Amino acid sequence: MNGILSDVCLLIEDCHHSTAPTVDAGHPLIRTPDIGKGRINYEHVFYVTDKVYDERTTRAKPQINDLILAREAPAGNVAILNSDKGVCLGQRTVLIRPNPELVNPQYLCYYMLLPEQQHKLLGSANGSTVSHVNLPVIRGMKIDLPTLPIQRRIADILSAYDDLIENNQRQIKLLEEAAMRLYREWFVFMRFPGHESVRIVDGVPEGWEKKCLRHLISYEIGGGWGNDNESSGFDIRTWVIRGTDIDGLSSGQIHSIPLRFNKQQTLSSRMLSHGDIIFEVSGGSKNVGVAKSYLITQPLIDYLGHPVICASFCKMIRPISLDYAEYLYSTLRHLRDSGITEEYELKSASSIINFKWADFLDLHFVLIPPETIMHAFNDCISPIYTKIVSMSIQVETLQKARDALLPRLMNGGVGLKLEEGAV
């Protein structure tokens, strides 16, 4: 079928052009950062009240198999609603309701993510890429669709990859929750092995120590950045992990890390090794704060294949020994999850939040368990963190396979065989 996008849709509706007041629970507000390539990411979604939901859905209430397109930041991302969560649209988004008699909704979602379709949406008259997509461009996007049976078969193949990706991401989240439950059980609620026979004086178990965080760190340094392109002195390809990459790494979005060029001098003092920790000290906003952290492991280093550093808004932390790596990382995560790191945030009139790093290390005290407890904790938690990294790499591999297959299916190479019944 040849035509334009509006020919195969029941509606293409713009969002409300206002900022919705948010609450802790209620109806999910789908903003542009929540719109992935094919699926909605609900992990960091904001919520609105019933009243705000009713106001923002007067034109149309999003329903299962609707598509939501990001008009900006990142422009062109489109995802399908595959569950009835009672969502409403945030700013700079568009609701697209395919006509199921003319087009398979899942197929249309993948079709709009094709590079050539993205170019139709994001390409300007002079060949450059635009950062904002206008509604007439969306409605008038030219399409060329196969028959519905072929659409359904292609959508089934591609969605199988996304189902596996989502399943892995759910398991990663469960593993992370299990790791933090274990940490809290042992070191917050003090139900570590043998706790029944250990005296606790002033909150410190016998044989433990209470010291400032700095005691657990042997070396720390700010991150770097490097150049986009290779030049004199900047000749070593380097992965640079930013604070904005940390959440993605935890859910398998490894491909978000930029690959840049750095000097040997930068790498000699900043190159990350197994057991090092990245800690975000600047760049957060009033909505998400700072102090995100990530534990570097050898499987990730091996997978990336080039030296790895953290970006300039982060700190590289090296624990006093590898025995303390998982404990220190878990402690940092607990301090953020429990809101304690907010006490060290330096908020300004702008949206940027900085972190009082030195005060945090010197003024916040933690319990240091004896080696026997530390080794027992590592024996329990190391396999969990290893599994998380392994599953993150699996997600990355599945995403690459899906993205490679997408144009082949859509552009006829494999699609013709589908029509002939060979697949």
Protein backbone atom coordinates (compact mmCIF):
# COMPACT_ATOMS: atom_id res chain seq x y z
CA MET A 1 0.00 0.00 0.00
CA ASN A 2 1.34 3.42 -0.97
CA GLY A 3 0.22 6.67 0.60
CA ILE A 4 0.88 8.81 3.64
CA LEU A 5 0.76 7.99 7.35
CA SER A 6 -2.62 9.63 7.96
CA ASP A 7 -4.17 7.28 5.36
CA VAL A 8 -3.66 4.26 7.64
CA CYS A 9 -4.41 5.91 10.99
CA LEU A 10 -7.66 6.61 12.80
CA LEU A 11 -6.09 9.63 14.47
CA ILE A 12 -2.78 11.48 14.82
CA GLU A 13 -3.19 13.78 17.80
CA ASP A 14 -0.78 16.29 19.33
CA CYS A 15 -0.13 16.56 23.07
CA HIS A 16 -1.09 19.40 25.39
CA HIS A 17 1.53 22.14 25.21
CA SER A 18 1.92 22.62 28.94
CA THR A 19 3.85 21.09 31.82
CA ALA A 20 1.70 18.72 33.82
CA PRO A 21 1.95 18.83 37.64
CA THR A 22 3.22 15.46 38.83
CA VAL A 23 2.60 13.34 41.93
CA ASP A 24 4.15 10.23 43.48
CA ALA A 25 1.52 7.83 42.15
CA GLY A 26 -1.37 7.85 39.71
CA HIS A 27 -1.57 7.77 35.91
CA PRO A 28 1.76 7.43 34.05
CA LEU A 29 2.76 10.58 32.18
CA ILE A 30 4.68 9.49 29.08
CA ARG A 31 7.41 12.04 28.36
CA THR A 32 9.97 11.95 25.56
CA PRO A 33 12.67 10.26 27.73
CA ASP A 34 10.20 7.40 28.38
CA ILE A 35 9.78 6.66 24.66
CA GLY A 36 12.28 4.06 23.54
CA LYS A 37 12.78 2.49 20.15
CA GLY A 38 9.66 0.34 20.04
CA ARG A 39 8.71 0.09 23.73
CA ILE A 40 7.75 2.45 26.55
CA ASN A 41 10.19 2.53 29.47
CA TYR A 42 8.17 2.91 32.69
CA GLU A 43 11.16 2.73 35.07
CA HIS A 44 11.50 6.50 35.58
CA VAL A 45 8.02 7.59 34.55
CA PHE A 46 6.27 10.50 36.30
CA TYR A 47 2.64 10.34 37.45
CA VAL A 48 -0.39 12.64 37.41
CA THR A 49 -3.70 12.74 39.29
CA ASP A 50 -7.05 11.58 37.92
CA LYS A 51 -8.02 15.23 37.36
CA VAL A 52 -4.89 16.00 35.31
CA TYR A 53 -5.30 12.73 33.40
CA ASP A 54 -8.90 13.66 32.45
CA GLU A 55 -7.77 17.12 31.34
CA ARG A 56 -4.96 15.78 29.16
CA THR A 57 -7.02 13.06 27.50
CA THR A 58 -10.01 15.12 26.35
CA ARG A 59 -8.89 14.81 22.73
CA ALA A 60 -8.13 11.08 22.93
CA LYS A 61 -7.36 8.54 25.65
CA PRO A 62 -4.30 6.44 24.78
CA GLN A 63 -5.14 2.76 24.47
CA ILE A 64 -3.44 -0.56 23.73
CA ASN A 65 -1.76 -0.64 20.29
CA ASP A 66 -1.56 3.15 20.06
CA LEU A 67 1.86 4.55 19.16
CA ILE A 68 3.51 7.47 20.95
CA LEU A 69 6.05 9.49 19.01
CA ALA A 70 8.64 11.84 20.49
CA ARG A 71 8.70 15.16 18.62
CA GLU A 72 11.85 16.28 20.44
CA ALA A 73 14.64 15.01 22.70
CA PRO A 74 15.07 12.43 21.20
CA ALA A 75 13.04 13.35 18.13
CA GLY A 76 11.76 10.40 16.10
CA ASN A 77 11.62 7.73 18.79
CA VAL A 78 8.31 5.86 18.62
CA ALA A 79 6.92 3.15 20.90
CA ILE A 80 3.77 1.05 21.10
CA LEU A 81 1.47 0.87 24.11
CA ASN A 82 1.24 -2.86 24.86
CA SER A 83 -0.60 -2.63 28.18
CA ASP A 84 -3.52 -0.65 29.54
CA LYS A 85 -1.85 1.51 32.20
CA GLY A 86 -4.12 4.55 31.78
CA VAL A 87 -1.34 6.78 30.46
CA CYS A 88 -1.47 10.34 29.21
CA LEU A 89 0.90 12.33 27.03
CA GLY A 90 3.66 14.61 28.24
CA GLN A 91 4.92 17.59 26.26
CA ARG A 92 6.42 17.20 22.77
CA THR A 93 4.73 13.87 22.09
CA VAL A 94 2.17 12.71 19.52
CA LEU A 95 -0.47 9.98 19.79
CA ILE A 96 -0.87 7.80 16.68
CA ARG A 97 -3.74 5.33 16.44
CA PRO A 98 -3.26 2.90 13.52
CA ASN A 99 -6.28 1.54 11.68
CA PRO A 100 -5.91 -2.24 12.31
CA GLU A 101 -7.84 -2.99 9.10
CA LEU A 102 -5.07 -1.33 7.08
CA VAL A 103 -1.87 -1.68 9.11
CA ASN A 104 -0.56 -3.85 11.92
CA PRO A 105 0.24 -1.45 14.82
CA GLN A 106 3.40 -3.30 15.86
CA TYR A 107 4.61 -3.37 12.26
CA LEU A 108 3.95 0.36 11.85
CA CYS A 109 5.98 1.07 14.98
CA TYR A 110 8.99 -0.80 13.60
CA TYR A 111 8.44 0.69 10.14
CA MET A 112 8.66 4.24 11.54
CA LEU A 113 11.97 3.34 13.19
CA LEU A 114 13.61 2.42 9.88
CA PRO A 115 16.51 4.76 9.03
CA GLU A 116 14.82 5.93 5.82
CA GLN A 117 11.55 6.68 7.65
CA GLN A 118 13.46 8.49 10.38
CA HIS A 119 15.11 10.57 7.66
CA LYS A 120 11.68 11.51 6.30
CA LEU A 121 10.70 12.71 9.76
CA LEU A 122 13.98 14.31 10.82
CA GLY A 123 15.60 15.41 7.56
CA SER A 124 15.46 19.09 6.63
CA ALA A 125 15.36 20.63 3.17
CA ASN A 126 19.15 21.20 3.19
CA GLY A 127 19.93 17.63 4.27
CA SER A 128 20.67 18.34 7.94
CA THR A 129 18.84 16.70 10.84
CA VAL A 130 16.13 18.61 12.69
CA SER A 131 15.61 18.41 16.44
CA HIS A 132 11.86 18.97 16.30
CA VAL A 133 9.20 17.19 14.22
CA ASN A 134 6.13 19.15 13.15
CA LEU A 135 2.69 17.53 13.07
CA PRO A 136 2.10 18.08 9.31
CA VAL A 137 5.38 16.25 8.59
CA ILE A 138 4.23 13.31 10.73
CA ARG A 139 0.80 13.12 9.12
CA GLY A 140 2.23 13.48 5.64
CA MET A 141 5.07 10.97 5.96
CA LYS A 142 5.05 8.79 2.82
CA ILE A 143 4.62 5.07 3.42
CA ASP A 144 4.87 1.90 1.36
CA LEU A 145 3.44 -1.11 3.21
CA PRO A 146 3.22 -4.83 2.35
CA THR A 147 0.06 -6.86 2.86
CA LEU A 148 -1.32 -7.35 6.38
CA PRO A 149 -0.27 -11.04 6.62
CA ILE A 150 3.35 -10.09 5.87
CA GLN A 151 3.14 -7.18 8.29
CA ARG A 152 1.96 -9.50 11.06
CA ARG A 153 4.71 -12.06 10.44
CA ILE A 154 7.45 -9.42 10.39
CA ALA A 155 6.04 -7.80 13.54
CA ASP A 156 5.96 -11.19 15.30
CA ILE A 157 9.64 -11.83 14.48
CA LEU A 158 10.83 -8.40 15.64
CA SER A 159 8.62 -8.29 18.73
CA ALA A 160 10.04 -11.66 19.83
CA TYR A 161 13.41 -9.90 20.21
CA ASP A 162 11.83 -7.07 22.19
CA ASP A 163 10.02 -9.57 24.41
CA LEU A 164 13.35 -11.23 25.23
CA ILE A 165 14.94 -7.83 25.87
CA GLU A 166 12.13 -6.82 28.24
CA ASN A 167 12.31 -10.17 30.03
CA ASN A 168 16.06 -9.75 30.59
CA GLN A 169 15.55 -6.20 31.80
CA ARG A 170 12.90 -7.36 34.27
CA GLN A 171 15.28 -10.03 35.57
CA ILE A 172 18.05 -7.43 35.90
CA LYS A 173 15.73 -5.27 38.00
CA LEU A 174 14.82 -8.24 40.21
CA LEU A 175 18.50 -9.10 40.68
CA GLU A 176 19.30 -5.50 41.63
CA GLU A 177 16.47 -5.51 44.15
CA ALA A 178 17.72 -8.83 45.55
CA ALA A 179 21.24 -7.39 45.93
CA MET A 180 19.98 -4.37 47.84
CA ARG A 181 17.71 -6.50 50.05
CA LEU A 182 20.72 -8.61 50.99
CA TYR A 183 22.76 -5.49 51.80
CA ARG A 184 20.00 -3.99 53.96
CA GLU A 185 19.40 -7.27 55.76
CA TRP A 186 23.06 -7.56 56.77
CA PHE A 187 24.20 -3.95 57.22
CA VAL A 188 21.08 -1.87 57.92
CA PHE A 189 18.89 -4.25 59.94
CA MET A 190 22.09 -5.89 61.29
CA ARG A 191 20.91 -9.45 60.66
CA PHE A 192 24.27 -10.65 59.36
CA PRO A 193 25.41 -14.27 59.89
CA GLY A 194 26.04 -14.86 63.59
CA HIS A 195 24.40 -11.59 64.68
CA GLU A 196 22.58 -13.40 67.50
CA SER A 197 25.82 -13.84 69.43
CA VAL A 198 27.37 -10.42 68.73
CA ARG A 199 27.03 -7.56 71.20
CA ILE A 200 26.10 -4.16 69.73
CA VAL A 201 27.35 -1.08 71.57
CA ASP A 202 26.18 2.39 70.44
CA GLY A 203 25.00 0.88 67.15
CA VAL A 204 28.36 -0.76 66.39
CA PRO A 205 28.63 -4.58 66.54
CA GLU A 206 31.56 -5.93 68.48
CA GLY A 207 34.58 -6.39 66.20
CA TRP A 208 33.29 -3.83 63.66
CA GLU A 209 34.50 -0.25 63.12
CA LYS A 210 32.69 2.99 62.37
CA LYS A 211 34.63 5.26 60.03
CA CYS A 212 34.01 7.94 57.41
CA LEU A 213 33.44 6.88 53.82
CA ARG A 214 36.85 8.15 52.79
CA HIS A 215 38.38 5.28 54.77
CA LEU A 216 37.01 2.81 52.19
CA ILE A 217 38.60 4.62 49.22
CA SER A 218 42.25 4.26 48.20
CA TYR A 219 42.11 6.53 45.13
CA GLU A 220 39.64 8.90 43.50
CA ILE A 221 39.83 11.31 40.57
CA GLY A 222 37.50 13.30 38.35
CA GLY A 223 36.66 12.01 34.90
CA GLY A 224 37.70 13.15 31.44
CA TRP A 225 36.15 13.55 28.02
CA GLY A 226 38.53 13.65 25.04
CA ASN A 227 37.92 14.43 21.36
CA ASP A 228 35.29 13.35 18.86
CA ASN A 229 37.96 12.52 16.29
CA GLU A 230 41.50 11.22 16.31
CA SER A 231 44.21 13.91 16.32
CA SER A 232 47.76 14.46 17.49
CA GLY A 233 48.07 13.07 21.01
CA PHE A 234 44.39 12.05 21.09
CA ASP A 235 44.94 8.66 19.50
CA ILE A 236 43.46 6.08 21.90
CA ARG A 237 39.84 5.04 21.41
CA THR A 238 38.15 5.27 24.78
CA TRP A 239 34.67 4.56 26.10
CA VAL A 240 33.48 7.45 28.29
CA ILE A 241 30.68 6.66 30.75
CA ARG A 242 28.58 9.69 31.70
CA GLY A 243 26.17 10.08 34.58
CA THR A 244 23.33 9.88 32.05
CA ASP A 245 24.59 6.44 30.96
CA ILE A 246 24.46 4.88 34.42
CA ASP A 247 20.75 4.00 34.48
CA GLY A 248 21.03 2.62 30.96
CA LEU A 249 23.99 0.42 31.87
CA SER A 250 21.99 -1.03 34.73
CA SER A 251 19.21 -2.05 32.32
CA GLY A 252 21.39 -3.29 29.48
CA GLN A 253 21.62 -0.11 27.39
CA ILE A 254 25.39 -0.38 26.92
CA HIS A 255 25.27 1.15 23.43
CA SER A 256 24.54 4.60 24.89
CA ILE A 257 28.18 5.05 25.97
CA PRO A 258 30.09 7.41 23.62
CA LEU A 259 33.37 6.25 22.06
CA ARG A 260 35.93 9.07 21.94
CA PHE A 261 39.68 9.65 21.57
CA ASN A 262 41.94 10.35 24.55
CA LYS A 263 45.57 10.94 25.44
CA GLN A 264 47.67 8.29 27.17
CA GLN A 265 48.23 10.78 30.00
CA THR A 266 44.48 10.97 30.64
CA LEU A 267 44.11 7.20 30.60
CA SER A 268 47.05 6.47 32.88
CA SER A 269 45.31 8.13 35.84
CA ARG A 270 41.66 7.55 34.93
CA MET A 271 41.33 4.16 33.23
CA LEU A 272 38.73 2.07 35.03
CA SER A 273 39.53 -1.43 36.26
CA HIS A 274 37.57 -4.31 37.75
CA GLY A 275 36.17 -3.23 41.13
CA ASP A 276 36.28 0.52 40.44
CA ILE A 277 33.12 2.57 40.94
CA ILE A 278 31.72 5.52 39.00
CA PHE A 279 29.93 8.15 41.09
CA GLU A 280 28.00 11.07 39.60
CA VAL A 281 28.82 14.41 41.26
CA SER A 282 27.20 16.94 38.90
CA GLY A 283 24.65 17.36 36.16
CA GLY A 284 21.54 16.08 37.89
CA SER A 285 18.23 17.95 37.97
CA LYS A 286 15.68 18.68 40.68
CA ASN A 287 13.69 15.67 39.48
CA VAL A 288 16.43 13.01 39.59
CA GLY A 289 19.25 14.50 41.68
CA VAL A 290 22.79 13.19 41.43
CA ALA A 291 24.86 10.51 43.24
CA LYS A 292 24.11 7.65 40.83
CA SER A 293 26.82 4.98 40.94
CA TYR A 294 27.96 2.00 38.87
CA LEU A 295 30.31 -0.90 39.62
CA ILE A 296 32.84 -1.75 36.89
CA THR A 297 33.42 -5.47 36.35
CA GLN A 298 35.85 -7.38 34.16
CA PRO A 299 33.14 -8.89 31.91
CA LEU A 300 32.02 -5.36 30.92
CA ILE A 301 35.61 -4.27 30.26
CA ASP A 302 36.23 -7.36 28.15
CA TYR A 303 32.99 -6.80 26.21
CA LEU A 304 33.72 -3.14 25.43
CA GLY A 305 37.21 -3.96 24.16
CA HIS A 306 38.70 -0.46 24.59
CA PRO A 307 39.86 1.47 27.68
CA VAL A 308 37.02 2.89 29.79
CA ILE A 309 36.93 6.13 31.79
CA CYS A 310 34.12 8.13 33.36
CA ALA A 311 33.09 11.58 32.15
CA SER A 312 34.05 14.84 33.79
CA PHE A 313 30.83 15.17 35.82
CA CYS A 314 31.66 11.92 37.61
CA LYS A 315 34.28 10.58 39.99
CA MET A 316 36.29 7.40 39.61
CA ILE A 317 36.51 5.61 42.97
CA ARG A 318 38.92 2.77 43.76
CA PRO A 319 38.18 0.89 47.01
CA ILE A 320 40.92 0.07 49.50
CA SER A 321 40.86 -3.50 48.13
CA LEU A 322 38.74 -5.63 45.83
CA ASP A 323 37.26 -7.28 48.91
CA TYR A 324 35.45 -4.00 49.62
CA ALA A 325 34.24 -3.23 46.06
CA GLU A 326 30.75 -4.76 46.26
CA TYR A 327 30.27 -3.51 49.82
CA LEU A 328 31.23 0.08 48.94
CA TYR A 329 29.08 0.05 45.80
CA SER A 330 26.09 -1.36 47.66
CA THR A 331 26.58 1.24 50.40
CA LEU A 332 26.57 4.10 47.86
CA ARG A 333 23.43 2.74 46.23
CA HIS A 334 21.70 2.38 49.60
CA LEU A 335 22.61 5.95 50.59
CA ARG A 336 21.02 7.27 47.39
CA ASP A 337 17.97 5.02 47.57
CA SER A 338 17.31 6.07 51.16
CA GLY A 339 17.65 9.79 50.36
CA ILE A 340 20.77 10.37 52.46
CA THR A 341 22.81 11.68 49.52
CA GLU A 342 20.25 14.47 49.08
CA GLU A 343 21.73 16.07 52.21
CA TYR A 344 24.94 16.67 50.23
CA GLU A 345 23.34 18.06 47.07
CA LEU A 346 24.20 21.65 46.24
CA LYS A 347 21.18 23.13 44.51
CA SER A 348 21.36 26.35 42.51
CA ALA A 349 18.85 28.59 40.74
CA SER A 350 19.45 26.61 37.54
CA SER A 351 18.30 23.03 37.03
CA ILE A 352 21.84 21.68 37.55
CA ILE A 353 22.62 20.04 40.89
CA ASN A 354 26.18 19.56 42.14
CA PHE A 355 27.34 17.28 44.93
CA LYS A 356 29.40 18.18 48.01
CA TRP A 357 31.81 15.33 47.39
CA ALA A 358 34.48 16.10 50.00
CA ASP A 359 31.87 16.65 52.72
CA PHE A 360 30.22 13.37 51.78
CA LEU A 361 33.46 11.42 52.16
CA ASP A 362 34.52 13.10 55.40
CA LEU A 363 31.23 13.63 57.21
CA HIS A 364 29.24 10.51 56.43
CA PHE A 365 30.19 7.51 58.58
CA VAL A 366 29.60 3.84 57.80
CA LEU A 367 30.15 0.56 59.57
CA ILE A 368 33.13 -1.53 58.46
CA PRO A 369 32.55 -5.26 59.10
CA PRO A 370 35.37 -7.70 59.86
CA GLU A 371 36.93 -9.69 57.00
CA THR A 372 34.94 -12.84 57.75
CA ILE A 373 31.63 -11.01 57.27
CA MET A 374 32.94 -9.16 54.22
CA HIS A 375 34.04 -12.38 52.53
CA ALA A 376 30.70 -14.04 53.31
CA PHE A 377 28.87 -11.03 51.85
CA ASN A 378 31.01 -11.13 48.70
CA ASP A 379 30.32 -14.84 48.25
CA CYS A 380 26.58 -14.05 48.21
CA ILE A 381 26.49 -10.82 46.24
CA SER A 382 29.28 -11.20 43.65
CA PRO A 383 27.32 -13.79 41.63
CA ILE A 384 24.34 -11.42 41.56
CA TYR A 385 26.34 -8.50 40.15
CA THR A 386 28.10 -10.83 37.69
CA LYS A 387 24.72 -12.09 36.48
CA ILE A 388 23.45 -8.51 36.06
CA VAL A 389 26.38 -7.64 33.79
CA SER A 390 25.96 -10.87 31.84
CA MET A 391 22.28 -10.15 31.23
CA SER A 392 23.05 -6.54 30.30
CA ILE A 393 25.40 -7.81 27.60
CA GLN A 394 22.67 -10.21 26.43
CA VAL A 395 20.28 -7.26 26.11
CA GLU A 396 22.87 -5.37 24.07
CA THR A 397 23.39 -8.39 21.80
CA LEU A 398 19.64 -8.84 21.26
CA GLN A 399 19.22 -5.15 20.44
CA LYS A 400 21.99 -5.29 17.85
CA ALA A 401 20.49 -8.41 16.28
CA ARG A 402 17.02 -6.83 16.14
CA ASP A 403 18.36 -3.58 14.67
CA ALA A 404 20.31 -5.50 12.01
CA LEU A 405 17.26 -7.61 11.11
CA LEU A 406 14.82 -4.69 11.02
CA PRO A 407 15.86 -3.18 7.63
CA ARG A 408 16.35 -6.62 6.07
CA LEU A 409 12.78 -7.61 6.90
CA MET A 410 11.26 -4.25 6.01
CA ASN A 411 13.12 -3.75 2.76
CA GLY A 412 12.30 -7.07 1.17
CA GLY A 413 15.50 -9.10 1.56
CA VAL A 414 13.95 -11.43 4.10
CA GLY A 415 10.43 -10.06 3.63
CA LEU A 416 10.10 -11.60 0.13
CA LYS A 417 10.94 -15.00 1.55
CA LEU A 418 8.27 -14.44 4.16
CA GLU A 419 5.72 -13.90 1.44
CA GLU A 420 6.85 -17.08 -0.30
CA GLY A 421 6.45 -19.01 2.96
CA ALA A 422 10.15 -19.85 3.26
CA VAL A 423 10.47 -18.43 6.77
